[in-house]
Amino acid sequence: FYAPDAPVNPQSVYGASKAAGEMAVRSGNPRHAIVRTAWVVSPHRGNFVKTMLRLSGERDRLTVVEDQHGCPTSAADLAGALAAIALRLAGDEAAPTGTFHCVNDGATTWCDFARAIVAGSARRGGRSVPIEGIPSSAYPTPARRPENSRLSTQSLTDAYGLAPRSWEPALDDILDRLVGPVRSH
């Protein structure tokens, strides 16, 4: 898991622009809070959860990258953490500043995340399909994706007392909204 002070190594133009933005914030305002996140999902707009639900409804099997690791992040949980940080910064001159990571607790691969999404949907009456893991090399993308984007939230907990919950119940909340509640047998 990467700590916020780990060296950055952007793999794409997008990553380089994010790193440049962080440098501009640091140099422009010493009293700042930069919050990095990853793998953000929600019941709204396009994202990995909604894509896997759509594809599992359209196809008899899925192939998903299994060699990229990260921490799924509920947009609702991220928003709550950002609000807590902003309120503390606004009301407390001594509030911690710097760079923090905010992701849900735990890590997985895209493939195992997809399996959790489809299994969670099936518990709610959705369609279940097999999911095969594939290497990144079998799924080329315009931008190179990091193999490890696992982020440590320890500094967020230490500075603000925020301890993000596990990604699994966060996913359940999203699936409850998108598919419905778990069906009892």
Protein backbone atom coordinates (compact mmCIF):
# COMPACT_ATOMS: atom_id res chain seq x y z
CA PHE A 1 0.00 0.00 0.00
CA TYR A 2 1.37 3.38 -0.99
CA ALA A 3 1.69 6.07 1.66
CA PRO A 4 0.96 9.67 0.61
CA ASP A 5 4.65 10.55 0.83
CA ALA A 6 5.78 7.71 -1.47
CA PRO A 7 7.50 8.92 -4.65
CA VAL A 8 5.10 9.39 -7.55
CA ASN A 9 5.79 7.84 -10.94
CA PRO A 10 3.05 8.91 -13.38
CA GLN A 11 2.41 6.31 -16.09
CA SER A 12 0.41 8.56 -18.43
CA VAL A 13 -0.27 12.15 -19.44
CA TYR A 14 -3.27 12.06 -17.10
CA GLY A 15 -1.09 10.95 -14.18
CA ALA A 16 1.53 13.57 -14.98
CA SER A 17 -1.13 16.30 -15.04
CA LYS A 18 -2.40 15.16 -11.64
CA ALA A 19 1.13 15.27 -10.20
CA ALA A 20 1.64 18.76 -11.66
CA GLY A 21 -1.66 19.89 -10.13
CA GLU A 22 -0.57 18.63 -6.72
CA MET A 23 2.72 20.52 -7.02
CA ALA A 24 0.84 23.71 -7.94
CA VAL A 25 -1.42 23.35 -4.88
CA ARG A 26 1.55 22.73 -2.57
CA SER A 27 3.48 25.73 -3.89
CA GLY A 28 0.42 28.00 -4.01
CA ASN A 29 -0.93 27.37 -0.52
CA PRO A 30 0.98 25.86 2.39
CA ARG A 31 -2.35 25.25 4.20
CA HIS A 32 -3.81 22.65 1.87
CA ALA A 33 -5.30 19.18 1.93
CA ILE A 34 -4.75 17.11 -1.18
CA VAL A 35 -6.87 13.96 -1.10
CA ARG A 36 -5.97 11.17 -3.51
CA THR A 37 -8.41 8.40 -4.29
CA ALA A 38 -8.82 5.54 -6.74
CA TRP A 39 -11.33 3.13 -8.26
CA VAL A 40 -14.33 5.37 -7.44
CA VAL A 41 -17.75 3.76 -7.90
CA SER A 42 -21.33 4.77 -7.18
CA PRO A 43 -24.91 4.15 -8.27
CA HIS A 44 -24.58 7.21 -10.54
CA ARG A 45 -22.96 7.85 -13.92
CA GLY A 46 -20.62 5.46 -15.67
CA ASN A 47 -18.24 3.43 -13.51
CA PHE A 48 -16.91 -0.11 -13.10
CA VAL A 49 -19.85 -1.40 -11.03
CA LYS A 50 -22.42 -0.22 -13.53
CA THR A 51 -20.35 -1.54 -16.43
CA MET A 52 -20.04 -5.03 -14.89
CA LEU A 53 -23.79 -5.12 -14.16
CA ARG A 54 -24.58 -4.14 -17.75
CA LEU A 55 -22.10 -6.59 -19.28
CA SER A 56 -23.23 -9.47 -17.05
CA GLY A 57 -26.75 -8.85 -18.35
CA GLU A 58 -25.60 -8.87 -21.98
CA ARG A 59 -22.94 -11.61 -22.11
CA ASP A 60 -22.65 -15.25 -21.09
CA ARG A 61 -19.15 -14.78 -19.67
CA LEU A 62 -16.80 -11.91 -18.90
CA THR A 63 -13.04 -11.48 -19.04
CA VAL A 64 -11.51 -8.99 -16.64
CA VAL A 65 -7.93 -7.96 -15.88
CA GLU A 66 -6.56 -9.86 -12.89
CA ASP A 67 -3.06 -8.39 -12.46
CA GLN A 68 -4.00 -4.84 -11.42
CA HIS A 69 -4.55 -4.30 -7.70
CA GLY A 70 -6.34 -1.43 -6.02
CA CYS A 71 -8.83 -0.24 -3.45
CA PRO A 72 -12.43 0.30 -4.55
CA THR A 73 -13.86 3.58 -3.26
CA SER A 74 -17.49 4.46 -2.70
CA ALA A 75 -18.18 7.98 -3.97
CA ALA A 76 -20.55 8.47 -1.01
CA ASP A 77 -17.85 7.46 1.50
CA LEU A 78 -15.32 9.70 -0.26
CA ALA A 79 -17.76 12.63 -0.18
CA GLY A 80 -18.30 12.13 3.55
CA ALA A 81 -14.57 12.15 4.21
CA LEU A 82 -14.02 15.23 2.03
CA ALA A 83 -16.80 17.08 3.87
CA ALA A 84 -15.26 16.19 7.25
CA ILE A 85 -11.83 17.39 6.12
CA ALA A 86 -13.21 20.62 4.63
CA LEU A 87 -15.25 21.43 7.74
CA ARG A 88 -12.26 20.82 9.98
CA LEU A 89 -10.00 22.97 7.81
CA ALA A 90 -12.59 25.76 7.76
CA GLY A 91 -13.12 25.75 11.51
CA ASP A 92 -9.72 24.89 12.92
CA GLU A 93 -6.54 26.82 12.02
CA ALA A 94 -4.54 23.93 13.47
CA ALA A 95 -6.23 21.30 11.26
CA PRO A 96 -3.76 18.91 9.64
CA THR A 97 -2.62 19.79 6.13
CA GLY A 98 -0.76 17.89 3.46
CA THR A 99 -1.53 14.93 1.23
CA PHE A 100 -3.87 12.14 2.27
CA HIS A 101 -5.32 9.02 0.67
CA CYS A 102 -9.02 8.20 0.92
CA VAL A 103 -10.16 4.80 -0.36
CA ASN A 104 -12.32 2.15 1.20
CA ASP A 105 -10.43 -0.34 3.34
CA GLY A 106 -9.04 -3.48 1.75
CA ALA A 107 -7.72 -4.25 -1.70
CA THR A 108 -8.66 -6.47 -4.60
CA THR A 109 -8.03 -6.95 -8.30
CA TRP A 110 -10.34 -5.73 -11.06
CA CYS A 111 -11.25 -9.38 -11.72
CA ASP A 112 -12.10 -10.18 -8.11
CA PHE A 113 -13.99 -6.88 -7.82
CA ALA A 114 -16.03 -7.88 -10.89
CA ARG A 115 -16.72 -11.28 -9.32
CA ALA A 116 -17.92 -9.59 -6.12
CA ILE A 117 -20.18 -7.28 -8.14
CA VAL A 118 -21.77 -10.13 -10.11
CA ALA A 119 -22.12 -12.34 -7.02
CA GLY A 120 -23.71 -9.46 -5.10
CA SER A 121 -26.08 -8.82 -7.98
CA ALA A 122 -27.00 -12.52 -8.11
CA ARG A 123 -27.88 -12.45 -4.36
CA ARG A 124 -30.32 -9.69 -5.30
CA GLY A 125 -31.87 -11.61 -8.19
CA GLY A 126 -29.49 -10.42 -10.92
CA ARG A 127 -27.87 -12.60 -13.53
CA SER A 128 -24.71 -14.53 -12.67
CA VAL A 129 -22.07 -15.22 -15.30
CA PRO A 130 -18.59 -16.73 -15.05
CA ILE A 131 -15.69 -14.27 -14.99
CA GLU A 132 -12.29 -15.25 -16.32
CA GLY A 133 -9.16 -13.43 -15.21
CA ILE A 134 -6.86 -12.17 -17.95
CA PRO A 135 -3.50 -10.36 -17.93
CA SER A 136 -3.38 -6.64 -18.67
CA SER A 137 -1.51 -7.45 -21.87
CA ALA A 138 -4.69 -9.12 -23.18
CA TYR A 139 -6.72 -5.93 -22.62
CA PRO A 140 -4.78 -3.06 -24.16
CA THR A 141 -5.85 0.48 -23.24
CA PRO A 142 -4.70 3.83 -24.63
CA ALA A 143 -3.12 4.74 -21.27
CA ARG A 144 -0.89 2.36 -19.31
CA ARG A 145 -2.52 1.36 -16.00
CA PRO A 146 -0.49 0.70 -12.85
CA GLU A 147 -0.31 -2.86 -11.54
CA ASN A 148 -0.49 -1.56 -7.97
CA SER A 149 -2.68 1.38 -7.05
CA ARG A 150 -3.31 0.29 -3.45
CA LEU A 151 -3.35 3.37 -1.23
CA SER A 152 -2.74 3.49 2.53
CA THR A 153 -5.25 5.57 4.50
CA GLN A 154 -3.25 5.52 7.75
CA SER A 155 -2.33 9.21 7.58
CA LEU A 156 -6.03 10.10 7.08
CA THR A 157 -6.89 8.11 10.19
CA ASP A 158 -4.01 9.60 12.17
CA ALA A 159 -4.73 13.20 11.15
CA TYR A 160 -8.52 13.30 11.00
CA GLY A 161 -9.70 10.19 12.85
CA LEU A 162 -11.33 8.92 9.67
CA ALA A 163 -11.13 5.15 9.21
CA PRO A 164 -12.81 4.18 5.94
CA ARG A 165 -14.98 1.07 6.06
CA SER A 166 -14.26 -1.99 3.96
CA TRP A 167 -15.07 -1.86 0.27
CA GLU A 168 -17.39 -4.90 0.47
CA PRO A 169 -20.21 -3.27 2.51
CA ALA A 170 -19.75 -0.10 0.45
CA LEU A 171 -20.33 -2.21 -2.67
CA ASP A 172 -23.40 -3.77 -1.04
CA ASP A 173 -24.86 -0.29 -0.50
CA ILE A 174 -24.35 0.53 -4.18
CA LEU A 175 -25.87 -2.78 -5.31
CA ASP A 176 -28.85 -2.24 -3.00
CA ARG A 177 -29.52 1.00 -4.90
CA LEU A 178 -28.89 -0.40 -8.38
CA VAL A 179 -30.30 -3.93 -8.15
CA GLY A 180 -32.36 -3.96 -4.96
CA PRO A 181 -32.03 -5.58 -1.56
CA VAL A 182 -30.67 -9.09 -1.05
CA ARG A 183 -33.43 -11.60 -1.63
CA SER A 184 -34.11 -14.10 1.13
CA HIS A 185 -34.95 -17.64 0.13
